[in-house]
Amino acid sequence: MEVTFTAALTKSAARAEFRPPNPVTRRREEREGIGSLHNPEEIARSVVDCGFRLHTDLGPGLLETVYETVLAAMLSEAGFNVARQMPIPIEYNGIILPEGFRADLVIERSLIIEIKSVEKLAPVHGKQLLTYLRLSKQPLGLLLNFGAPTFREGVKRVVNGHTNFASSRLRVHQIPQVE
Protein backbone atom coordinates (compact mmCIF):
# COMPACT_ATOMS: atom_id res chain seq x y z
CA MET A 1 0.00 0.00 0.00
CA GLU A 2 1.38 3.37 -1.00
CA VAL A 3 0.55 6.42 1.06
CA THR A 4 0.94 9.83 -0.53
CA PHE A 5 0.61 12.94 1.54
CA THR A 6 0.71 16.59 0.59
CA ALA A 7 -0.37 19.39 2.89
CA ALA A 8 0.10 23.11 2.97
CA LEU A 9 -0.01 24.67 6.41
CA THR A 10 -0.76 28.31 6.74
CA LYS A 11 1.36 30.54 8.94
CA SER A 12 -1.76 31.60 10.82
CA ALA A 13 -2.48 27.98 11.81
CA ALA A 14 1.09 27.45 12.95
CA ARG A 15 1.11 30.67 14.98
CA ALA A 16 -2.40 30.45 16.36
CA GLU A 17 -2.84 31.80 19.82
CA PHE A 18 -4.47 29.71 22.51
CA ARG A 19 -7.71 31.02 23.90
CA PRO A 20 -9.88 28.83 26.10
CA PRO A 21 -13.42 28.54 24.76
CA ASN A 22 -15.51 31.50 25.87
CA PRO A 23 -19.03 30.37 26.92
CA VAL A 24 -20.60 33.59 25.59
CA THR A 25 -18.85 33.27 22.22
CA ARG A 26 -19.67 29.55 22.09
CA ARG A 27 -23.41 30.27 22.61
CA ARG A 28 -23.33 32.99 19.93
CA GLU A 29 -21.56 30.64 17.52
CA GLU A 30 -24.15 27.92 18.19
CA ARG A 31 -27.04 30.37 17.78
CA GLU A 32 -25.65 31.77 14.52
CA GLY A 33 -24.57 28.39 13.18
CA ILE A 34 -20.86 29.25 12.98
CA GLY A 35 -17.85 27.80 14.76
CA SER A 36 -17.69 24.34 16.24
CA LEU A 37 -20.62 22.52 17.72
CA HIS A 38 -18.43 19.52 18.55
CA ASN A 39 -17.87 18.48 22.11
CA PRO A 40 -14.52 17.03 23.21
CA GLU A 41 -15.95 13.49 23.20
CA GLU A 42 -17.01 13.71 19.54
CA ILE A 43 -13.67 15.23 18.57
CA ALA A 44 -11.76 12.53 20.50
CA ARG A 45 -13.68 9.81 18.68
CA SER A 46 -12.74 11.30 15.29
CA VAL A 47 -9.10 11.75 16.35
CA VAL A 48 -8.86 8.10 17.43
CA ASP A 49 -10.38 6.98 14.11
CA CYS A 50 -7.91 9.10 12.11
CA GLY A 51 -5.02 7.99 14.32
CA PHE A 52 -5.91 4.34 13.80
CA ARG A 53 -5.97 4.78 10.01
CA LEU A 54 -2.65 6.64 10.16
CA HIS A 55 -0.98 3.95 12.29
CA THR A 56 -2.35 1.23 10.01
CA ASP A 57 -1.15 2.97 6.83
CA LEU A 58 2.28 4.25 7.96
CA GLY A 59 3.06 1.89 10.82
CA PRO A 60 5.30 2.65 13.81
CA GLY A 61 8.82 4.06 13.66
CA LEU A 62 8.57 7.48 12.04
CA LEU A 63 9.36 10.76 13.77
CA GLU A 64 6.65 12.47 15.84
CA THR A 65 6.57 15.42 13.44
CA VAL A 66 5.53 13.14 10.57
CA TYR A 67 2.57 11.76 12.51
CA GLU A 68 1.69 15.25 13.77
CA THR A 69 1.68 16.76 10.27
CA VAL A 70 -0.30 13.95 8.68
CA LEU A 71 -2.82 13.73 11.55
CA ALA A 72 -3.35 17.52 11.46
CA ALA A 73 -4.05 17.33 7.72
CA MET A 74 -6.45 14.40 8.14
CA LEU A 75 -8.39 16.23 10.85
CA SER A 76 -8.47 19.44 8.80
CA GLU A 77 -9.88 17.48 5.86
CA ALA A 78 -12.52 16.09 8.23
CA GLY A 79 -13.63 19.67 8.93
CA PHE A 80 -11.94 20.36 12.26
CA ASN A 81 -10.07 23.52 13.19
CA VAL A 82 -6.55 22.27 13.95
CA ALA A 83 -3.62 24.22 15.39
CA ARG A 84 -0.12 22.71 15.43
CA GLN A 85 2.56 23.52 18.01
CA MET A 86 0.28 26.05 19.65
CA PRO A 87 1.97 28.08 22.39
CA ILE A 88 -0.01 28.00 25.62
CA PRO A 89 0.69 30.71 28.19
CA ILE A 90 1.27 29.95 31.85
CA GLU A 91 0.54 32.33 34.68
CA TYR A 92 1.99 31.55 38.07
CA ASN A 93 2.31 33.81 41.07
CA GLY A 94 1.96 36.96 38.97
CA ILE A 95 4.52 35.80 36.41
CA ILE A 96 3.23 35.30 32.88
CA LEU A 97 5.10 33.09 30.45
CA PRO A 98 3.57 33.67 27.00
CA GLU A 99 4.92 30.34 25.74
CA GLY A 100 4.85 28.12 28.81
CA PHE A 101 4.61 25.06 26.60
CA ARG A 102 3.59 24.08 23.09
CA ALA A 103 0.76 21.66 22.54
CA ASP A 104 1.38 19.30 19.61
CA LEU A 105 -2.19 19.65 18.34
CA VAL A 106 -5.19 21.59 19.62
CA ILE A 107 -8.45 20.63 17.95
CA GLU A 108 -11.38 23.07 17.96
CA ARG A 109 -9.78 24.91 20.92
CA SER A 110 -11.13 22.14 23.17
CA LEU A 111 -9.00 18.99 22.82
CA ILE A 112 -5.23 18.78 23.32
CA ILE A 113 -3.36 15.97 21.60
CA GLU A 114 0.15 15.02 22.64
CA ILE A 115 1.92 12.84 20.08
CA LYS A 116 4.73 10.43 20.88
CA SER A 117 6.69 7.92 18.84
CA VAL A 118 8.37 5.73 21.44
CA GLU A 119 8.36 1.97 22.05
CA LYS A 120 6.40 2.30 25.27
CA LEU A 121 4.77 5.23 27.03
CA ALA A 122 6.23 6.17 30.40
CA PRO A 123 4.07 7.43 33.29
CA VAL A 124 5.60 10.90 32.84
CA HIS A 125 3.94 11.21 29.41
CA GLY A 126 0.44 11.04 30.91
CA LYS A 127 1.44 13.43 33.68
CA GLN A 128 2.78 15.87 31.10
CA LEU A 129 -0.54 15.93 29.24
CA LEU A 130 -2.52 16.23 32.49
CA THR A 131 -0.42 19.27 33.43
CA TYR A 132 -1.11 20.78 30.00
CA LEU A 133 -4.84 20.21 30.53
CA ARG A 134 -4.80 21.78 33.98
CA LEU A 135 -2.83 24.83 32.88
CA SER A 136 -5.04 25.41 29.84
CA LYS A 137 -8.25 24.57 31.77
CA GLN A 138 -9.26 21.95 29.21
CA PRO A 139 -11.27 18.87 30.18
CA LEU A 140 -9.86 16.20 27.91
CA GLY A 141 -6.68 15.26 26.10
CA LEU A 142 -5.38 12.35 24.08
CA LEU A 143 -1.91 10.90 24.28
CA LEU A 144 -1.18 9.11 21.01
CA ASN A 145 1.91 6.93 20.76
CA PHE A 146 2.57 5.93 17.17
CA GLY A 147 5.66 3.94 18.18
CA ALA A 148 3.62 1.19 19.86
CA PRO A 149 3.24 -2.11 17.98
CA THR A 150 -0.55 -1.63 17.82
CA PHE A 151 -2.47 1.63 17.93
CA ARG A 152 -4.64 0.37 20.78
CA GLU A 153 -1.56 0.06 22.99
CA GLY A 154 -0.59 3.64 22.17
CA VAL A 155 -3.84 5.51 22.90
CA LYS A 156 -4.39 7.04 26.32
CA ARG A 157 -7.25 9.31 27.34
CA VAL A 158 -6.34 11.86 29.99
CA VAL A 159 -9.08 13.67 31.88
CA ASN A 160 -9.02 16.90 33.88
CA GLY A 161 -12.26 17.22 35.86
CA HIS A 162 -14.35 16.29 32.82
CA THR A 163 -17.82 15.15 33.89
CA ASN A 164 -19.76 14.77 30.62
CA PHE A 165 -18.39 11.35 29.68
CA ALA A 166 -19.53 9.22 26.85
CA SER A 167 -19.10 5.52 27.45
CA SER A 168 -15.47 4.85 26.70
CA ARG A 169 -12.95 2.12 27.37
CA LEU A 170 -10.19 4.66 26.77
CA ARG A 171 -10.81 6.53 30.04
CA VAL A 172 -7.58 6.41 32.07
CA HIS A 173 -7.67 9.19 34.61
CA GLN A 174 -10.31 11.30 36.27
CA ILE A 175 -9.65 13.83 38.98
CA PRO A 176 -12.28 13.71 41.76
CA GLN A 177 -14.56 16.74 41.93
CA VAL A 178 -14.27 18.82 45.10
CA GLU A 179 -17.48 20.47 46.23
C-alpha atoms as a PDB file:
ATOM      1  CA  MET A   1       0.000   0.000   0.000  1.00  0.00           C
ATOM      2  CA  GLU A   2       1.382   3.369  -0.999  1.00  0.00           C
ATOM      3  CA  VAL A   3       0.548   6.425   1.059  1.00  0.00           C
ATOM      4  CA  THR A   4       0.943   9.828  -0.532  1.00  0.00           C
ATOM      5  CA  PHE A   5       0.611  12.939   1.542  1.00  0.00           C
ATOM      6  CA  THR A   6       0.715  16.586   0.589  1.00  0.00           C
ATOM      7  CA  ALA A   7      -0.365  19.392   2.895  1.00  0.00           C
ATOM      8  CA  ALA A   8       0.098  23.111   2.974  1.00  0.00           C
ATOM      9  CA  LEU A   9      -0.006  24.669   6.409  1.00  0.00           C
ATOM     10  CA  THR A  10      -0.764  28.312   6.737  1.00  0.00           C
ATOM     11  CA  LYS A  11       1.359  30.539   8.939  1.00  0.00           C
ATOM     12  CA  SER A  12      -1.756  31.597  10.819  1.00  0.00           C
ATOM     13  CA  ALA A  13      -2.484  27.980  11.807  1.00  0.00           C
ATOM     14  CA  ALA A  14       1.093  27.446  12.947  1.00  0.00           C
ATOM     15  CA  ARG A  15       1.110  30.668  14.981  1.00  0.00           C
ATOM     16  CA  ALA A  16      -2.396  30.452  16.358  1.00  0.00           C
ATOM     17  CA  GLU A  17      -2.840  31.805  19.824  1.00  0.00           C
ATOM     18  CA  PHE A  18      -4.474  29.713  22.511  1.00  0.00           C
ATOM     19  CA  ARG A  19      -7.711  31.021  23.902  1.00  0.00           C
ATOM     20  CA  PRO A  20      -9.883  28.833  26.104  1.00  0.00           C
ATOM     21  CA  PRO A  21     -13.415  28.543  24.758  1.00  0.00           C
ATOM     22  CA  ASN A  22     -15.509  31.496  25.867  1.00  0.00           C
ATOM     23  CA  PRO A  23     -19.028  30.372  26.919  1.00  0.00           C
ATOM     24  CA  VAL A  24     -20.605  33.588  25.586  1.00  0.00           C
ATOM     25  CA  THR A  25     -18.852  33.266  22.224  1.00  0.00           C
ATOM     26  CA  ARG A  26     -19.674  29.553  22.092  1.00  0.00           C
ATOM     27  CA  ARG A  27     -23.411  30.269  22.611  1.00  0.00           C
ATOM     28  CA  ARG A  28     -23.333  32.995  19.935  1.00  0.00           C
ATOM     29  CA  GLU A  29     -21.564  30.638  17.523  1.00  0.00           C
ATOM     30  CA  GLU A  30     -24.145  27.920  18.191  1.00  0.00           C
ATOM     31  CA  ARG A  31     -27.037  30.372  17.782  1.00  0.00           C
ATOM     32  CA  GLU A  32     -25.647  31.770  14.515  1.00  0.00           C
ATOM     33  CA  GLY A  33     -24.572  28.394  13.181  1.00  0.00           C
ATOM     34  CA  ILE A  34     -20.864  29.245  12.982  1.00  0.00           C
ATOM     35  CA  GLY A  35     -17.845  27.800  14.760  1.00  0.00           C
ATOM     36  CA  SER A  36     -17.693  24.343  16.238  1.00  0.00           C
ATOM     37  CA  LEU A  37     -20.623  22.517  17.719  1.00  0.00           C
ATOM     38  CA  HIS A  38     -18.430  19.521  18.551  1.00  0.00           C
ATOM     39  CA  ASN A  39     -17.875  18.479  22.110  1.00  0.00           C
ATOM     40  CA  PRO A  40     -14.517  17.027  23.212  1.00  0.00           C
ATOM     41  CA  GLU A  41     -15.945  13.485  23.204  1.00  0.00           C
ATOM     42  CA  GLU A  42     -17.007  13.714  19.540  1.00  0.00           C
ATOM     43  CA  ILE A  43     -13.670  15.226  18.574  1.00  0.00           C
ATOM     44  CA  ALA A  44     -11.762  12.529  20.498  1.00  0.00           C
ATOM     45  CA  ARG A  45     -13.683   9.811  18.681  1.00  0.00           C
ATOM     46  CA  SER A  46     -12.741  11.301  15.288  1.00  0.00           C
ATOM     47  CA  VAL A  47      -9.102  11.746  16.349  1.00  0.00           C
ATOM     48  CA  VAL A  48      -8.862   8.096  17.428  1.00  0.00           C
ATOM     49  CA  ASP A  49     -10.384   6.977  14.106  1.00  0.00           C
ATOM     50  CA  CYS A  50      -7.906   9.097  12.110  1.00  0.00           C
ATOM     51  CA  GLY A  51      -5.019   7.990  14.321  1.00  0.00           C
ATOM     52  CA  PHE A  52      -5.906   4.337  13.802  1.00  0.00           C
ATOM     53  CA  ARG A  53      -5.968   4.781  10.012  1.00  0.00           C
ATOM     54  CA  LEU A  54      -2.648   6.642  10.164  1.00  0.00           C
ATOM     55  CA  HIS A  55      -0.979   3.949  12.293  1.00  0.00           C
ATOM     56  CA  THR A  56      -2.346   1.227  10.007  1.00  0.00           C
ATOM     57  CA  ASP A  57      -1.151   2.966   6.834  1.00  0.00           C
ATOM     58  CA  LEU A  58       2.275   4.252   7.964  1.00  0.00           C
ATOM     59  CA  GLY A  59       3.062   1.888  10.823  1.00  0.00           C
ATOM     60  CA  PRO A  60       5.305   2.650  13.806  1.00  0.00           C
ATOM     61  CA  GLY A  61       8.820   4.056  13.659  1.00  0.00           C
ATOM     62  CA  LEU A  62       8.571   7.481  12.043  1.00  0.00           C
ATOM     63  CA  LEU A  63       9.363  10.761  13.766  1.00  0.00           C
ATOM     64  CA  GLU A  64       6.653  12.467  15.840  1.00  0.00           C
ATOM     65  CA  THR A  65       6.573  15.418  13.444  1.00  0.00           C
ATOM     66  CA  VAL A  66       5.534  13.145  10.565  1.00  0.00           C
ATOM     67  CA  TYR A  67       2.573  11.761  12.514  1.00  0.00           C
ATOM     68  CA  GLU A  68       1.691  15.246  13.772  1.00  0.00           C
ATOM     69  CA  THR A  69       1.685  16.758  10.273  1.00  0.00           C
ATOM     70  CA  VAL A  70      -0.305  13.947   8.679  1.00  0.00           C
ATOM     71  CA  LEU A  71      -2.822  13.732  11.551  1.00  0.00           C
ATOM     72  CA  ALA A  72      -3.347  17.516  11.456  1.00  0.00           C
ATOM     73  CA  ALA A  73      -4.054  17.334   7.719  1.00  0.00           C
ATOM     74  CA  MET A  74      -6.445  14.398   8.142  1.00  0.00           C
ATOM     75  CA  LEU A  75      -8.391  16.228  10.848  1.00  0.00           C
ATOM     76  CA  SER A  76      -8.475  19.443   8.799  1.00  0.00           C
ATOM     77  CA  GLU A  77      -9.879  17.482   5.864  1.00  0.00           C
ATOM     78  CA  ALA A  78     -12.518  16.091   8.235  1.00  0.00           C
ATOM     79  CA  GLY A  79     -13.626  19.667   8.927  1.00  0.00           C
ATOM     80  CA  PHE A  80     -11.942  20.363  12.260  1.00  0.00           C
ATOM     81  CA  ASN A  81     -10.074  23.523  13.191  1.00  0.00           C
ATOM     82  CA  VAL A  82      -6.545  22.268  13.947  1.00  0.00           C
ATOM     83  CA  ALA A  83      -3.623  24.225  15.392  1.00  0.00           C
ATOM     84  CA  ARG A  84      -0.118  22.709  15.434  1.00  0.00           C
ATOM     85  CA  GLN A  85       2.560  23.525  18.011  1.00  0.00           C
ATOM     86  CA  MET A  86       0.275  26.048  19.651  1.00  0.00           C
ATOM     87  CA  PRO A  87       1.974  28.080  22.392  1.00  0.00           C
ATOM     88  CA  ILE A  88      -0.005  27.996  25.618  1.00  0.00           C
ATOM     89  CA  PRO A  89       0.690  30.706  28.192  1.00  0.00           C
ATOM     90  CA  ILE A  90       1.271  29.948  31.848  1.00  0.00           C
ATOM     91  CA  GLU A  91       0.540  32.329  34.677  1.00  0.00           C
ATOM     92  CA  TYR A  92       1.994  31.547  38.068  1.00  0.00           C
ATOM     93  CA  ASN A  93       2.314  33.807  41.072  1.00  0.00           C
ATOM     94  CA  GLY A  94       1.956  36.959  38.972  1.00  0.00           C
ATOM     95  CA  ILE A  95       4.516  35.804  36.411  1.00  0.00           C
ATOM     96  CA  ILE A  96       3.228  35.303  32.885  1.00  0.00           C
ATOM     97  CA  LEU A  97       5.097  33.086  30.452  1.00  0.00           C
ATOM     98  CA  PRO A  98       3.566  33.668  27.004  1.00  0.00           C
ATOM     99  CA  GLU A  99       4.921  30.342  25.744  1.00  0.00           C
ATOM    100  CA  GLY A 100       4.850  28.124  28.806  1.00  0.00           C
ATOM    101  CA  PHE A 101       4.608  25.062  26.596  1.00  0.00           C
ATOM    102  CA  ARG A 102       3.592  24.085  23.086  1.00  0.00           C
ATOM    103  CA  ALA A 103       0.761  21.665  22.537  1.00  0.00           C
ATOM    104  CA  ASP A 104       1.384  19.296  19.605  1.00  0.00           C
ATOM    105  CA  LEU A 105      -2.191  19.653  18.342  1.00  0.00           C
ATOM    106  CA  VAL A 106      -5.195  21.586  19.623  1.00  0.00           C
ATOM    107  CA  ILE A 107      -8.453  20.629  17.948  1.00  0.00           C
ATOM    108  CA  GLU A 108     -11.383  23.065  17.961  1.00  0.00           C
ATOM    109  CA  ARG A 109      -9.782  24.906  20.918  1.00  0.00           C
ATOM    110  CA  SER A 110     -11.126  22.143  23.166  1.00  0.00           C
ATOM    111  CA  LEU A 111      -8.998  18.989  22.817  1.00  0.00           C
ATOM    112  CA  ILE A 112      -5.233  18.782  23.320  1.00  0.00           C
ATOM    113  CA  ILE A 113      -3.364  15.974  21.602  1.00  0.00           C
ATOM    114  CA  GLU A 114       0.151  15.018  22.638  1.00  0.00           C
ATOM    115  CA  ILE A 115       1.916  12.840  20.081  1.00  0.00           C
ATOM    116  CA  LYS A 116       4.729  10.429  20.880  1.00  0.00           C
ATOM    117  CA  SER A 117       6.691   7.925  18.841  1.00  0.00           C
ATOM    118  CA  VAL A 118       8.366   5.729  21.440  1.00  0.00           C
ATOM    119  CA  GLU A 119       8.361   1.975  22.047  1.00  0.00           C
ATOM    120  CA  LYS A 120       6.400   2.297  25.270  1.00  0.00           C
ATOM    121  CA  LEU A 121       4.769   5.230  27.035  1.00  0.00           C
ATOM    122  CA  ALA A 122       6.227   6.171  30.402  1.00  0.00           C
ATOM    123  CA  PRO A 123       4.067   7.433  33.293  1.00  0.00           C
ATOM    124  CA  VAL A 124       5.602  10.900  32.838  1.00  0.00           C
ATOM    125  CA  HIS A 125       3.938  11.207  29.412  1.00  0.00           C
ATOM    126  CA  GLY A 126       0.438  11.037  30.911  1.00  0.00           C
ATOM    127  CA  LYS A 127       1.443  13.433  33.683  1.00  0.00           C
ATOM    128  CA  GLN A 128       2.784  15.871  31.097  1.00  0.00           C
ATOM    129  CA  LEU A 129      -0.544  15.928  29.243  1.00  0.00           C
ATOM    130  CA  LEU A 130      -2.515  16.228  32.488  1.00  0.00           C
ATOM    131  CA  THR A 131      -0.416  19.268  33.427  1.00  0.00           C
ATOM    132  CA  TYR A 132      -1.112  20.781  29.998  1.00  0.00           C
ATOM    133  CA  LEU A 133      -4.835  20.212  30.529  1.00  0.00           C
ATOM    134  CA  ARG A 134      -4.800  21.776  33.981  1.00  0.00           C
ATOM    135  CA  LEU A 135      -2.834  24.832  32.882  1.00  0.00           C
ATOM    136  CA  SER A 136      -5.037  25.412  29.844  1.00  0.00           C
ATOM    137  CA  LYS A 137      -8.247  24.567  31.772  1.00  0.00           C
ATOM    138  CA  GLN A 138      -9.257  21.952  29.211  1.00  0.00           C
ATOM    139  CA  PRO A 139     -11.273  18.866  30.181  1.00  0.00           C
ATOM    140  CA  LEU A 140      -9.862  16.195  27.908  1.00  0.00           C
ATOM    141  CA  GLY A 141      -6.685  15.256  26.098  1.00  0.00           C
ATOM    142  CA  LEU A 142      -5.380  12.346  24.080  1.00  0.00           C
ATOM    143  CA  LEU A 143      -1.908  10.897  24.284  1.00  0.00           C
ATOM    144  CA  LEU A 144      -1.180   9.108  21.006  1.00  0.00           C
ATOM    145  CA  ASN A 145       1.910   6.932  20.760  1.00  0.00           C
ATOM    146  CA  PHE A 146       2.569   5.933  17.175  1.00  0.00           C
ATOM    147  CA  GLY A 147       5.656   3.938  18.181  1.00  0.00           C
ATOM    148  CA  ALA A 148       3.619   1.187  19.858  1.00  0.00           C
ATOM    149  CA  PRO A 149       3.237  -2.112  17.979  1.00  0.00           C
ATOM    150  CA  THR A 150      -0.548  -1.626  17.819  1.00  0.00           C
ATOM    151  CA  PHE A 151      -2.467   1.628  17.927  1.00  0.00           C
ATOM    152  CA  ARG A 152      -4.645   0.367  20.778  1.00  0.00           C
ATOM    153  CA  GLU A 153      -1.562   0.062  22.994  1.00  0.00           C
ATOM    154  CA  GLY A 154      -0.587   3.642  22.168  1.00  0.00           C
ATOM    155  CA  VAL A 155      -3.845   5.505  22.899  1.00  0.00           C
ATOM    156  CA  LYS A 156      -4.395   7.041  26.323  1.00  0.00           C
ATOM    157  CA  ARG A 157      -7.247   9.310  27.336  1.00  0.00           C
ATOM    158  CA  VAL A 158      -6.335  11.861  29.990  1.00  0.00           C
ATOM    159  CA  VAL A 159      -9.083  13.666  31.878  1.00  0.00           C
ATOM    160  CA  ASN A 160      -9.017  16.896  33.879  1.00  0.00           C
ATOM    161  CA  GLY A 161     -12.256  17.218  35.857  1.00  0.00           C
ATOM    162  CA  HIS A 162     -14.348  16.295  32.817  1.00  0.00           C
ATOM    163  CA  THR A 163     -17.820  15.154  33.885  1.00  0.00           C
ATOM    164  CA  ASN A 164     -19.758  14.767  30.625  1.00  0.00           C
ATOM    165  CA  PHE A 165     -18.392  11.351  29.678  1.00  0.00           C
ATOM    166  CA  ALA A 166     -19.527   9.216  26.847  1.00  0.00           C
ATOM    167  CA  SER A 167     -19.103   5.524  27.451  1.00  0.00           C
ATOM    168  CA  SER A 168     -15.465   4.853  26.697  1.00  0.00           C
ATOM    169  CA  ARG A 169     -12.951   2.119  27.374  1.00  0.00           C
ATOM    170  CA  LEU A 170     -10.193   4.660  26.774  1.00  0.00           C
ATOM    171  CA  ARG A 171     -10.814   6.534  30.042  1.00  0.00           C
ATOM    172  CA  VAL A 172      -7.581   6.408  32.066  1.00  0.00           C
ATOM    173  CA  HIS A 173      -7.673   9.186  34.612  1.00  0.00           C
ATOM    174  CA  GLN A 174     -10.311  11.298  36.269  1.00  0.00           C
ATOM    175  CA  ILE A 175      -9.652  13.834  38.977  1.00  0.00           C
ATOM    176  CA  PRO A 176     -12.280  13.710  41.756  1.00  0.00           C
ATOM    177  CA  GLN A 177     -14.555  16.735  41.926  1.00  0.00           C
ATOM    178  CA  VAL A 178     -14.267  18.819  45.103  1.00  0.00           C
ATOM    179  CA  GLU A 179     -17.475  20.467  46.226  1.00  0.00           C
END
